[in-house]
PDB file of N, CA and C in Angstrom:
ATOM      1  N   MET A   1       3.090  -0.352 -89.621  1.00  0.00           N
ATOM      2  CA  MET A   1       3.447  -1.751 -89.714  1.00  0.00           C
ATOM      3  C   MET A   1       4.926  -1.903 -90.170  1.00  0.00           C
ATOM      4  N   LYS A   2       5.362  -0.964 -91.027  1.00  0.00           N
ATOM      5  CA  LYS A   2       6.744  -1.012 -91.514  1.00  0.00           C
ATOM      6  C   LYS A   2       7.690  -0.790 -90.398  1.00  0.00           C
ATOM      7  N   ARG A   3       7.353   0.071 -89.442  1.00  0.00           N
ATOM      8  CA  ARG A   3       8.235   0.324 -88.287  1.00  0.00           C
ATOM      9  C   ARG A   3       8.384  -0.942 -87.433  1.00  0.00           C
ATOM     10  N   TRP A   4       7.276  -1.716 -87.332  1.00  0.00           N
ATOM     11  CA  TRP A   4       7.338  -2.954 -86.524  1.00  0.00           C
ATOM     12  C   TRP A   4       8.342  -3.909 -87.109  1.00  0.00           C
ATOM     13  N   LYS A   5       8.308  -4.060 -88.463  1.00  0.00           N
ATOM     14  CA  LYS A   5       9.256  -5.007 -89.084  1.00  0.00           C
ATOM     15  C   LYS A   5      10.691  -4.571 -88.879  1.00  0.00           C
ATOM     16  N   ILE A   6      10.981  -3.245 -88.966  1.00  0.00           N
ATOM     17  CA  ILE A   6      12.289  -2.769 -88.771  1.00  0.00           C
ATOM     18  C   ILE A   6      12.738  -2.995 -87.305  1.00  0.00           C
ATOM     19  N   TRP A   7      11.780  -2.725 -86.396  1.00  0.00           N
ATOM     20  CA  TRP A   7      12.110  -2.901 -84.929  1.00  0.00           C
ATOM     21  C   TRP A   7      12.368  -4.348 -84.613  1.00  0.00           C
ATOM     22  N   SER A   8      11.583  -5.303 -85.191  1.00  0.00           N
ATOM     23  CA  SER A   8      11.797  -6.693 -84.825  1.00  0.00           C
ATOM     24  C   SER A   8      13.138  -7.196 -85.502  1.00  0.00           C
ATOM     25  N   ALA A   9      13.457  -6.689 -86.677  1.00  0.00           N
ATOM     26  CA  ALA A   9      14.693  -7.058 -87.286  1.00  0.00           C
ATOM     27  C   ALA A   9      15.911  -6.513 -86.499  1.00  0.00           C
ATOM     28  N   ALA A  10      15.774  -5.323 -85.987  1.00  0.00           N
ATOM     29  CA  ALA A  10      16.840  -4.768 -85.201  1.00  0.00           C
ATOM     30  C   ALA A  10      16.993  -5.508 -83.893  1.00  0.00           C
ATOM     31  N   LEU A  11      15.892  -5.929 -83.319  1.00  0.00           N
ATOM     32  CA  LEU A  11      15.930  -6.662 -82.038  1.00  0.00           C
ATOM     33  C   LEU A  11      16.580  -8.048 -82.268  1.00  0.00           C
ATOM     34  N   ALA A  12      16.243  -8.676 -83.328  1.00  0.00           N
ATOM     35  CA  ALA A  12      16.830  -9.993 -83.626  1.00  0.00           C
ATOM     36  C   ALA A  12      18.321  -9.869 -83.893  1.00  0.00           C
ATOM     37  N   TRP A  13      18.732  -8.825 -84.542  1.00  0.00           N
ATOM     38  CA  TRP A  13      20.146  -8.613 -84.793  1.00  0.00           C
ATOM     39  C   TRP A  13      20.875  -8.317 -83.491  1.00  0.00           C
ATOM     40  N   ALA A  14      20.301  -7.591 -82.639  1.00  0.00           N
ATOM     41  CA  ALA A  14      20.944  -7.143 -81.378  1.00  0.00           C
ATOM     42  C   ALA A  14      21.077  -8.373 -80.409  1.00  0.00           C
ATOM     43  N   ALA A  15      20.154  -9.239 -80.486  1.00  0.00           N
ATOM     44  CA  ALA A  15      20.130 -10.406 -79.539  1.00  0.00           C
ATOM     45  C   ALA A  15      21.208 -11.409 -79.931  1.00  0.00           C
ATOM     46  N   GLY A  16      21.511 -11.403 -81.220  1.00  0.00           N
ATOM     47  CA  GLY A  16      22.621 -12.317 -81.660  1.00  0.00           C
ATOM     48  C   GLY A  16      22.197 -13.770 -81.784  1.00  0.00           C
ATOM     49  N   PRO A  17      23.145 -14.730 -81.572  1.00  0.00           N
ATOM     50  CA  PRO A  17      22.840 -16.119 -81.809  1.00  0.00           C
ATOM     51  C   PRO A  17      21.844 -16.685 -80.768  1.00  0.00           C
ATOM     52  N   ALA A  18      21.756 -16.066 -79.586  1.00  0.00           N
ATOM     53  CA  ALA A  18      20.832 -16.590 -78.599  1.00  0.00           C
ATOM     54  C   ALA A  18      19.389 -16.491 -79.032  1.00  0.00           C
ATOM     55  N   MET A  19      19.065 -15.401 -79.752  1.00  0.00           N
ATOM     56  CA  MET A  19      17.726 -15.165 -80.245  1.00  0.00           C
ATOM     57  C   MET A  19      17.512 -16.035 -81.484  1.00  0.00           C
ATOM     58  N   ALA A  20      18.527 -16.300 -82.301  1.00  0.00           N
ATOM     59  CA  ALA A  20      18.401 -17.061 -83.518  1.00  0.00           C
ATOM     60  C   ALA A  20      17.982 -18.510 -83.173  1.00  0.00           C
ATOM     61  N   ALA A  21      18.441 -19.042 -82.058  1.00  0.00           N
ATOM     62  CA  ALA A  21      18.083 -20.395 -81.717  1.00  0.00           C
ATOM     63  C   ALA A  21      16.681 -20.521 -81.235  1.00  0.00           C
ATOM     64  N   GLN A  22      16.181 -19.463 -80.580  1.00  0.00           N
ATOM     65  CA  GLN A  22      14.888 -19.480 -80.065  1.00  0.00           C
ATOM     66  C   GLN A  22      13.978 -18.498 -80.811  1.00  0.00           C
ATOM     67  N   GLU A  23      12.828 -18.989 -81.337  1.00  0.00           N
ATOM     68  CA  GLU A  23      11.952 -18.191 -82.119  1.00  0.00           C
ATOM     69  C   GLU A  23      11.229 -17.192 -81.216  1.00  0.00           C
ATOM     70  N   ALA A  24      11.086 -15.936 -81.699  1.00  0.00           N
ATOM     71  CA  ALA A  24      10.433 -14.931 -80.938  1.00  0.00           C
ATOM     72  C   ALA A  24       8.955 -14.956 -81.303  1.00  0.00           C
ATOM     73  N   CYS A  25       8.141 -14.718 -80.275  1.00  0.00           N
ATOM     74  CA  CYS A  25       6.643 -14.685 -80.421  1.00  0.00           C
ATOM     75  C   CYS A  25       6.279 -13.250 -80.796  1.00  0.00           C
ATOM     76  N   VAL A  26       5.418 -13.055 -81.719  1.00  0.00           N
ATOM     77  CA  VAL A  26       4.933 -11.726 -82.109  1.00  0.00           C
ATOM     78  C   VAL A  26       3.567 -11.487 -81.457  1.00  0.00           C
ATOM     79  N   GLU A  27       3.444 -10.391 -80.841  1.00  0.00           N
ATOM     80  CA  GLU A  27       2.149  -9.969 -80.263  1.00  0.00           C
ATOM     81  C   GLU A  27       1.643  -8.728 -80.994  1.00  0.00           C
ATOM     82  N   VAL A  28       0.454  -8.867 -81.561  1.00  0.00           N
ATOM     83  CA  VAL A  28      -0.153  -7.791 -82.440  1.00  0.00           C
ATOM     84  C   VAL A  28      -1.173  -7.069 -81.674  1.00  0.00           C
ATOM     85  N   GLU A  29      -1.192  -5.725 -81.783  1.00  0.00           N
ATOM     86  CA  GLU A  29      -2.248  -4.916 -81.158  1.00  0.00           C
ATOM     87  C   GLU A  29      -3.072  -4.213 -82.258  1.00  0.00           C
ATOM     88  N   VAL A  30      -4.395  -4.443 -82.226  1.00  0.00           N
ATOM     89  CA  VAL A  30      -5.329  -3.906 -83.191  1.00  0.00           C
ATOM     90  C   VAL A  30      -6.441  -3.221 -82.403  1.00  0.00           C
ATOM     91  N   ASN A  31      -6.622  -1.895 -82.646  1.00  0.00           N
ATOM     92  CA  ASN A  31      -7.588  -1.136 -81.914  1.00  0.00           C
ATOM     93  C   ASN A  31      -7.580  -1.242 -80.386  1.00  0.00           C
ATOM     94  N   GLY A  32      -6.386  -1.328 -79.884  1.00  0.00           N
ATOM     95  CA  GLY A  32      -6.212  -1.393 -78.465  1.00  0.00           C
ATOM     96  C   GLY A  32      -6.344  -2.807 -77.863  1.00  0.00           C
ATOM     97  N   ALA A  33      -6.644  -3.837 -78.657  1.00  0.00           N
ATOM     98  CA  ALA A  33      -6.751  -5.168 -78.162  1.00  0.00           C
ATOM     99  C   ALA A  33      -5.548  -6.003 -78.613  1.00  0.00           C
ATOM    100  N   ARG A  34      -4.933  -6.647 -77.630  1.00  0.00           N
ATOM    101  CA  ARG A  34      -3.716  -7.433 -77.985  1.00  0.00           C
ATOM    102  C   ARG A  34      -4.127  -8.860 -78.396  1.00  0.00           C
ATOM    103  N   ALA A  35      -3.438  -9.375 -79.358  1.00  0.00           N
ATOM    104  CA  ALA A  35      -3.656 -10.703 -79.865  1.00  0.00           C
ATOM    105  C   ALA A  35      -2.303 -11.452 -79.926  1.00  0.00           C
ATOM    106  N   PRO A  36      -1.970 -12.243 -78.912  1.00  0.00           N
ATOM    107  CA  PRO A  36      -0.733 -12.935 -78.921  1.00  0.00           C
ATOM    108  C   PRO A  36      -0.780 -14.172 -79.843  1.00  0.00           C
ATOM    109  N   SER A  37       0.347 -14.600 -80.236  1.00  0.00           N
ATOM    110  CA  SER A  37       0.500 -15.772 -81.102  1.00  0.00           C
ATOM    111  C   SER A  37       0.442 -17.004 -80.217  1.00  0.00           C
ATOM    112  N   TYR A  38      -0.688 -17.673 -80.106  1.00  0.00           N
ATOM    113  CA  TYR A  38      -0.864 -18.812 -79.191  1.00  0.00           C
ATOM    114  C   TYR A  38      -0.080 -20.049 -79.714  1.00  0.00           C
ATOM    115  N   SER A  39       0.081 -20.204 -81.014  1.00  0.00           N
ATOM    116  CA  SER A  39       0.817 -21.340 -81.490  1.00  0.00           C
ATOM    117  C   SER A  39       2.261 -21.241 -81.134  1.00  0.00           C
ATOM    118  N   CYS A  40       2.800 -20.033 -81.182  1.00  0.00           N
ATOM    119  CA  CYS A  40       4.235 -19.845 -80.814  1.00  0.00           C
ATOM    120  C   CYS A  40       4.379 -20.016 -79.323  1.00  0.00           C
ATOM    121  N   LEU A  41       3.476 -19.489 -78.523  1.00  0.00           N
ATOM    122  CA  LEU A  41       3.567 -19.726 -77.068  1.00  0.00           C
ATOM    123  C   LEU A  41       3.429 -21.210 -76.684  1.00  0.00           C
ATOM    124  N   THR A  42       2.593 -21.904 -77.376  1.00  0.00           N
ATOM    125  CA  THR A  42       2.453 -23.323 -77.138  1.00  0.00           C
ATOM    126  C   THR A  42       3.733 -24.073 -77.421  1.00  0.00           C
ATOM    127  N   GLN A  43       4.458 -23.721 -78.553  1.00  0.00           N
ATOM    128  CA  GLN A  43       5.710 -24.383 -78.876  1.00  0.00           C
ATOM    129  C   GLN A  43       6.751 -24.065 -77.793  1.00  0.00           C
ATOM    130  N   GLN A  44       6.805 -22.841 -77.324  1.00  0.00           N
ATOM    131  CA  GLN A  44       7.770 -22.548 -76.284  1.00  0.00           C
ATOM    132  C   GLN A  44       7.505 -23.240 -74.943  1.00  0.00           C
ATOM    133  N   LEU A  45       6.217 -23.459 -74.649  1.00  0.00           N
ATOM    134  CA  LEU A  45       5.897 -24.122 -73.384  1.00  0.00           C
ATOM    135  C   LEU A  45       5.964 -25.648 -73.454  1.00  0.00           C
ATOM    136  N   ALA A  46       6.044 -26.218 -74.661  1.00  0.00           N
ATOM    137  CA  ALA A  46       6.159 -27.618 -74.811  1.00  0.00           C
ATOM    138  C   ALA A  46       7.428 -28.132 -74.218  1.00  0.00           C
ATOM    139  N   PRO A  47       7.444 -29.399 -73.638  1.00  0.00           N
ATOM    140  CA  PRO A  47       8.696 -29.927 -73.078  1.00  0.00           C
ATOM    141  C   PRO A  47       9.650 -30.280 -74.206  1.00  0.00           C
ATOM    142  N   ALA A  48      10.896 -30.103 -73.894  1.00  0.00           N
ATOM    143  CA  ALA A  48      11.951 -30.447 -74.880  1.00  0.00           C
ATOM    144  C   ALA A  48      11.947 -31.953 -75.145  1.00  0.00           C
ATOM    145  N   SER A  49      12.047 -32.290 -76.412  1.00  0.00           N
ATOM    146  CA  SER A  49      12.088 -33.712 -76.783  1.00  0.00           C
ATOM    147  C   SER A  49      13.436 -34.278 -76.446  1.00  0.00           C
ATOM    148  N   THR A  50      13.464 -35.484 -75.893  1.00  0.00           N
ATOM    149  CA  THR A  50      14.650 -36.097 -75.491  1.00  0.00           C
ATOM    150  C   THR A  50      15.258 -37.030 -76.551  1.00  0.00           C
ATOM    151  N   GLY A  51      14.506 -37.201 -77.669  1.00  0.00           N
ATOM    152  CA  GLY A  51      14.969 -38.066 -78.734  1.00  0.00           C
ATOM    153  C   GLY A  51      14.482 -39.479 -78.643  1.00  0.00           C
ATOM    154  N   ARG A  52      14.000 -39.917 -77.443  1.00  0.00           N
ATOM    155  CA  ARG A  52      13.463 -41.247 -77.353  1.00  0.00           C
ATOM    156  C   ARG A  52      11.935 -41.183 -77.228  1.00  0.00           C
ATOM    157  N   ALA A  53      11.306 -42.161 -77.697  1.00  0.00           N
ATOM    158  CA  ALA A  53       9.833 -42.190 -77.659  1.00  0.00           C
ATOM    159  C   ALA A  53       9.365 -42.495 -76.226  1.00  0.00           C
ATOM    160  N   GLN A  54       8.431 -41.716 -75.745  1.00  0.00           N
ATOM    161  CA  GLN A  54       7.919 -41.878 -74.403  1.00  0.00           C
ATOM    162  C   GLN A  54       6.588 -42.517 -74.475  1.00  0.00           C
ATOM    163  N   ARG A  55       6.314 -43.319 -73.472  1.00  0.00           N
ATOM    164  CA  ARG A  55       4.964 -44.003 -73.389  1.00  0.00           C
ATOM    165  C   ARG A  55       3.949 -42.964 -73.147  1.00  0.00           C
ATOM    166  N   PRO A  56       2.781 -43.096 -73.851  1.00  0.00           N
ATOM    167  CA  PRO A  56       1.697 -42.182 -73.496  1.00  0.00           C
ATOM    168  C   PRO A  56       1.173 -42.474 -72.102  1.00  0.00           C
ATOM    169  N   VAL A  57       0.805 -41.399 -71.392  1.00  0.00           N
ATOM    170  CA  VAL A  57       0.353 -41.523 -70.035  1.00  0.00           C
ATOM    171  C   VAL A  57      -1.058 -41.975 -70.041  1.00  0.00           C
ATOM    172  N   THR A  58      -1.402 -43.060 -69.370  1.00  0.00           N
ATOM    173  CA  THR A  58      -2.799 -43.537 -69.281  1.00  0.00           C
ATOM    174  C   THR A  58      -3.263 -43.328 -67.874  1.00  0.00           C
ATOM    175  N   LEU A  59      -4.431 -42.749 -67.765  1.00  0.00           N
ATOM    176  CA  LEU A  59      -4.979 -42.579 -66.419  1.00  0.00           C
ATOM    177  C   LEU A  59      -5.646 -43.888 -65.893  1.00  0.00           C
ATOM    178  N   GLY A  60      -5.758 -44.010 -64.664  1.00  0.00           N
ATOM    179  CA  GLY A  60      -6.387 -45.187 -64.080  1.00  0.00           C
ATOM    180  C   GLY A  60      -7.818 -45.381 -64.537  1.00  0.00           C
ATOM    181  N   ALA A  61      -8.535 -44.247 -64.757  1.00  0.00           N
ATOM    182  CA  ALA A  61      -9.909 -44.316 -65.147  1.00  0.00           C
ATOM    183  C   ALA A  61     -10.013 -44.871 -66.641  1.00  0.00           C
ATOM    184  N   GLU A  62      -9.033 -44.584 -67.470  1.00  0.00           N
ATOM    185  CA  GLU A  62      -9.108 -45.158 -68.827  1.00  0.00           C
ATOM    186  C   GLU A  62      -8.868 -46.623 -68.806  1.00  0.00           C
ATOM    187  N   VAL A  63      -8.085 -47.159 -67.959  1.00  0.00           N
ATOM    188  CA  VAL A  63      -7.796 -48.603 -67.878  1.00  0.00           C
ATOM    189  C   VAL A  63      -9.075 -49.264 -67.405  1.00  0.00           C
ATOM    190  N   ILE A  64      -9.738 -48.681 -66.368  1.00  0.00           N
ATOM    191  CA  ILE A  64     -10.909 -49.277 -65.797  1.00  0.00           C
ATOM    192  C   ILE A  64     -12.077 -49.257 -66.765  1.00  0.00           C
ATOM    193  N   ALA A  65     -12.179 -48.197 -67.556  1.00  0.00           N
ATOM    194  CA  ALA A  65     -13.247 -48.019 -68.525  1.00  0.00           C
ATOM    195  C   ALA A  65     -13.149 -49.050 -69.612  1.00  0.00           C
ATOM    196  N   GLY A  66     -11.964 -49.487 -69.899  1.00  0.00           N
ATOM    197  CA  GLY A  66     -11.743 -50.462 -71.005  1.00  0.00           C
ATOM    198  C   GLY A  66     -11.982 -51.917 -70.637  1.00  0.00           C
ATOM    199  N   GLN A  67     -12.206 -52.213 -69.280  1.00  0.00           N
ATOM    200  CA  GLN A  67     -12.353 -53.617 -68.853  1.00  0.00           C
ATOM    201  C   GLN A  67     -13.828 -54.030 -69.093  1.00  0.00           C
ATOM    202  N   PRO A  68     -13.944 -55.303 -69.274  1.00  0.00           N
ATOM    203  CA  PRO A  68     -15.334 -55.841 -69.412  1.00  0.00           C
ATOM    204  C   PRO A  68     -16.099 -55.725 -68.034  1.00  0.00           C
ATOM    205  N   SER A  69     -17.427 -55.650 -68.176  1.00  0.00           N
ATOM    206  CA  SER A  69     -18.194 -55.431 -67.006  1.00  0.00           C
ATOM    207  C   SER A  69     -18.170 -56.565 -65.992  1.00  0.00           C
ATOM    208  N   ASN A  70     -17.923 -57.821 -66.487  1.00  0.00           N
ATOM    209  CA  ASN A  70     -17.919 -58.943 -65.547  1.00  0.00           C
ATOM    210  C   ASN A  70     -16.556 -58.923 -64.710  1.00  0.00           C
ATOM    211  N   GLN A  71     -15.535 -58.313 -65.221  1.00  0.00           N
ATOM    212  CA  GLN A  71     -14.290 -58.154 -64.428  1.00  0.00           C
ATOM    213  C   GLN A  71     -14.414 -57.062 -63.394  1.00  0.00           C
ATOM    214  N   LEU A  72     -15.371 -56.179 -63.593  1.00  0.00           N
ATOM    215  CA  LEU A  72     -15.584 -55.092 -62.639  1.00  0.00           C
ATOM    216  C   LEU A  72     -16.619 -55.432 -61.611  1.00  0.00           C
ATOM    217  N   GLY A  73     -17.234 -56.596 -61.721  1.00  0.00           N
ATOM    218  CA  GLY A  73     -18.330 -56.965 -60.821  1.00  0.00           C
ATOM    219  C   GLY A  73     -19.632 -56.349 -61.107  1.00  0.00           C
ATOM    220  N   LEU A  74     -19.835 -55.891 -62.354  1.00  0.00           N
ATOM    221  CA  LEU A  74     -21.066 -55.331 -62.711  1.00  0.00           C
ATOM    222  C   LEU A  74     -22.019 -56.299 -63.400  1.00  0.00           C
ATOM    223  N   TYR A  75     -23.249 -55.873 -63.653  1.00  0.00           N
ATOM    224  CA  TYR A  75     -24.214 -56.757 -64.306  1.00  0.00           C
ATOM    225  C   TYR A  75     -23.760 -57.069 -65.723  1.00  0.00           C
ATOM    226  N   ASN A  76     -23.867 -58.346 -66.090  1.00  0.00           N
ATOM    227  CA  ASN A  76     -23.534 -58.817 -67.389  1.00  0.00           C
ATOM    228  C   ASN A  76     -24.711 -59.679 -67.897  1.00  0.00           C
ATOM    229  N   ARG A  77     -25.413 -59.288 -68.919  1.00  0.00           N
ATOM    230  CA  ARG A  77     -26.601 -60.009 -69.282  1.00  0.00           C
ATOM    231  C   ARG A  77     -26.324 -61.454 -69.720  1.00  0.00           C
ATOM    232  N   ALA A  78     -25.215 -61.684 -70.454  1.00  0.00           N
ATOM    233  CA  ALA A  78     -24.903 -63.034 -70.910  1.00  0.00           C
ATOM    234  C   ALA A  78     -24.623 -63.948 -69.710  1.00  0.00           C
ATOM    235  N   ALA A  79     -23.893 -63.523 -68.703  1.00  0.00           N
ATOM    236  CA  ALA A  79     -23.545 -64.322 -67.538  1.00  0.00           C
ATOM    237  C   ALA A  79     -24.832 -64.608 -66.727  1.00  0.00           C
ATOM    238  N   THR A  80     -25.711 -63.546 -66.581  1.00  0.00           N
ATOM    239  CA  THR A  80     -26.926 -63.766 -65.849  1.00  0.00           C
ATOM    240  C   THR A  80     -27.874 -64.713 -66.577  1.00  0.00           C
ATOM    241  N   SER A  81     -27.964 -64.625 -67.862  1.00  0.00           N
ATOM    242  CA  SER A  81     -28.802 -65.559 -68.624  1.00  0.00           C
ATOM    243  C   SER A  81     -28.243 -66.993 -68.472  1.00  0.00           C
ATOM    244  N   HIS A  82     -26.943 -67.154 -68.485  1.00  0.00           N
ATOM    245  CA  HIS A  82     -26.398 -68.532 -68.302  1.00  0.00           C
ATOM    246  C   HIS A  82     -26.652 -69.122 -66.912  1.00  0.00           C
ATOM    247  N   ARG A  83     -26.565 -68.267 -65.925  1.00  0.00           N
ATOM    248  CA  ARG A  83     -26.795 -68.679 -64.548  1.00  0.00           C
ATOM    249  C   ARG A  83     -28.251 -69.004 -64.335  1.00  0.00           C
ATOM    250  N   MET A  84     -29.168 -68.256 -64.855  1.00  0.00           N
ATOM    251  CA  MET A  84     -30.583 -68.450 -64.627  1.00  0.00           C
ATOM    252  C   MET A  84     -31.174 -69.573 -65.506  1.00  0.00           C
ATOM    253  N   GLY A  85     -30.510 -69.866 -66.571  1.00  0.00           N
ATOM    254  CA  GLY A  85     -31.056 -70.944 -67.444  1.00  0.00           C
ATOM    255  C   GLY A  85     -32.294 -70.582 -68.182  1.00  0.00           C
ATOM    256  N   ASN A  86     -33.269 -71.506 -68.260  1.00  0.00           N
ATOM    257  CA  ASN A  86     -34.440 -71.241 -69.011  1.00  0.00           C
ATOM    258  C   ASN A  86     -35.508 -70.442 -68.223  1.00  0.00           C
ATOM    259  N   THR A  87     -35.200 -70.139 -66.941  1.00  0.00           N
ATOM    260  CA  THR A  87     -36.128 -69.353 -66.147  1.00  0.00           C
ATOM    261  C   THR A  87     -35.732 -67.850 -66.182  1.00  0.00           C
ATOM    262  N   PHE A  88     -34.822 -67.523 -67.045  1.00  0.00           N
ATOM    263  CA  PHE A  88     -34.324 -66.148 -67.172  1.00  0.00           C
ATOM    264  C   PHE A  88     -35.509 -65.249 -67.688  1.00  0.00           C
ATOM    265  N   GLY A  89     -35.998 -64.263 -66.934  1.00  0.00           N
ATOM    266  CA  GLY A  89     -37.068 -63.411 -67.344  1.00  0.00           C
ATOM    267  C   GLY A  89     -38.411 -63.893 -66.866  1.00  0.00           C
ATOM    268  N   THR A  90     -38.476 -65.148 -66.350  1.00  0.00           N
ATOM    269  CA  THR A  90     -39.804 -65.636 -65.907  1.00  0.00           C
ATOM    270  C   THR A  90     -39.882 -65.899 -64.393  1.00  0.00           C
ATOM    271  N   SER A  91     -38.701 -66.134 -63.794  1.00  0.00           N
ATOM    272  CA  SER A  91     -38.712 -66.461 -62.366  1.00  0.00           C
ATOM    273  C   SER A  91     -37.456 -65.844 -61.675  1.00  0.00           C
ATOM    274  N   VAL A  92     -37.597 -65.651 -60.347  1.00  0.00           N
ATOM    275  CA  VAL A  92     -36.477 -65.094 -59.615  1.00  0.00           C
ATOM    276  C   VAL A  92     -35.527 -66.188 -59.114  1.00  0.00           C
ATOM    277  N   LEU A  93     -35.965 -67.427 -59.234  1.00  0.00           N
ATOM    278  CA  LEU A  93     -35.174 -68.555 -58.843  1.00  0.00           C
ATOM    279  C   LEU A  93     -34.470 -69.183 -60.058  1.00  0.00           C
ATOM    280  N   PRO A  94     -33.121 -69.431 -59.964  1.00  0.00           N
ATOM    281  CA  PRO A  94     -32.436 -70.017 -61.085  1.00  0.00           C
ATOM    282  C   PRO A  94     -32.914 -71.436 -61.372  1.00  0.00           C
ATOM    283  N   GLN A  95     -32.659 -71.872 -62.625  1.00  0.00           N
ATOM    284  CA  GLN A  95     -32.990 -73.241 -63.000  1.00  0.00           C
ATOM    285  C   GLN A  95     -32.054 -74.151 -62.326  1.00  0.00           C
ATOM    286  N   ARG A  96     -32.596 -75.219 -61.767  1.00  0.00           N
ATOM    287  CA  ARG A  96     -31.780 -76.245 -61.062  1.00  0.00           C
ATOM    288  C   ARG A  96     -32.134 -77.620 -61.709  1.00  0.00           C
ATOM    289  N   PRO A  97     -31.171 -78.477 -61.835  1.00  0.00           N
ATOM    290  CA  PRO A  97     -31.497 -79.780 -62.344  1.00  0.00           C
ATOM    291  C   PRO A  97     -32.322 -80.585 -61.300  1.00  0.00           C
ATOM    292  N   ASP A  98     -33.105 -81.527 -61.765  1.00  0.00           N
ATOM    293  CA  ASP A  98     -33.855 -82.359 -60.861  1.00  0.00           C
ATOM    294  C   ASP A  98     -32.912 -83.129 -59.937  1.00  0.00           C
ATOM    295  N   ALA A  99     -33.345 -83.336 -58.751  1.00  0.00           N
ATOM    296  CA  ALA A  99     -32.610 -84.141 -57.735  1.00  0.00           C
ATOM    297  C   ALA A  99     -32.393 -85.547 -58.266  1.00  0.00           C
ATOM    298  N   PRO A 100     -31.245 -86.127 -58.061  1.00  0.00           N
ATOM    299  CA  PRO A 100     -30.993 -87.513 -58.505  1.00  0.00           C
ATOM    300  C   PRO A 100     -31.915 -88.469 -57.773  1.00  0.00           C
ATOM    301  N   ALA A 101     -32.253 -89.543 -58.381  1.00  0.00           N
ATOM    302  CA  ALA A 101     -33.041 -90.610 -57.681  1.00  0.00           C
ATOM    303  C   ALA A 101     -32.261 -91.255 -56.707  1.00  0.00           C
ATOM    304  N   PRO A 102     -32.907 -91.558 -55.488  1.00  0.00           N
ATOM    305  CA  PRO A 102     -32.150 -92.262 -54.433  1.00  0.00           C
ATOM    306  C   PRO A 102     -31.898 -93.663 -54.823  1.00  0.00           C
ATOM    307  N   ARG A 103     -30.820 -94.267 -54.351  1.00  0.00           N
ATOM    308  CA  ARG A 103     -30.442 -95.604 -54.708  1.00  0.00           C
ATOM    309  C   ARG A 103     -30.951 -96.580 -53.739  1.00  0.00           C
TER     310      ARG A 103
END
């Protein structure tokens, strides 16, 4: 383990200022199995920040999922109950007012 520290220090010194600006990822090998530093790799693969706040990307499905069901043309119990009147749940025909008396 001591050799690894010396080797990484020598490598950082040889690389100079270019390596100082960019962090090096350490990959450890234990019993023949390699274990890379995923957090370091994630930081290196992340896009460079431009300094301004970017809008979060919203998918079309997220916008649709947030809309009320009556805007999507789906069943809405409150609207159906209003349309059917007092016959909701008892008849397939909606409630209609009585015909006006002829004059």
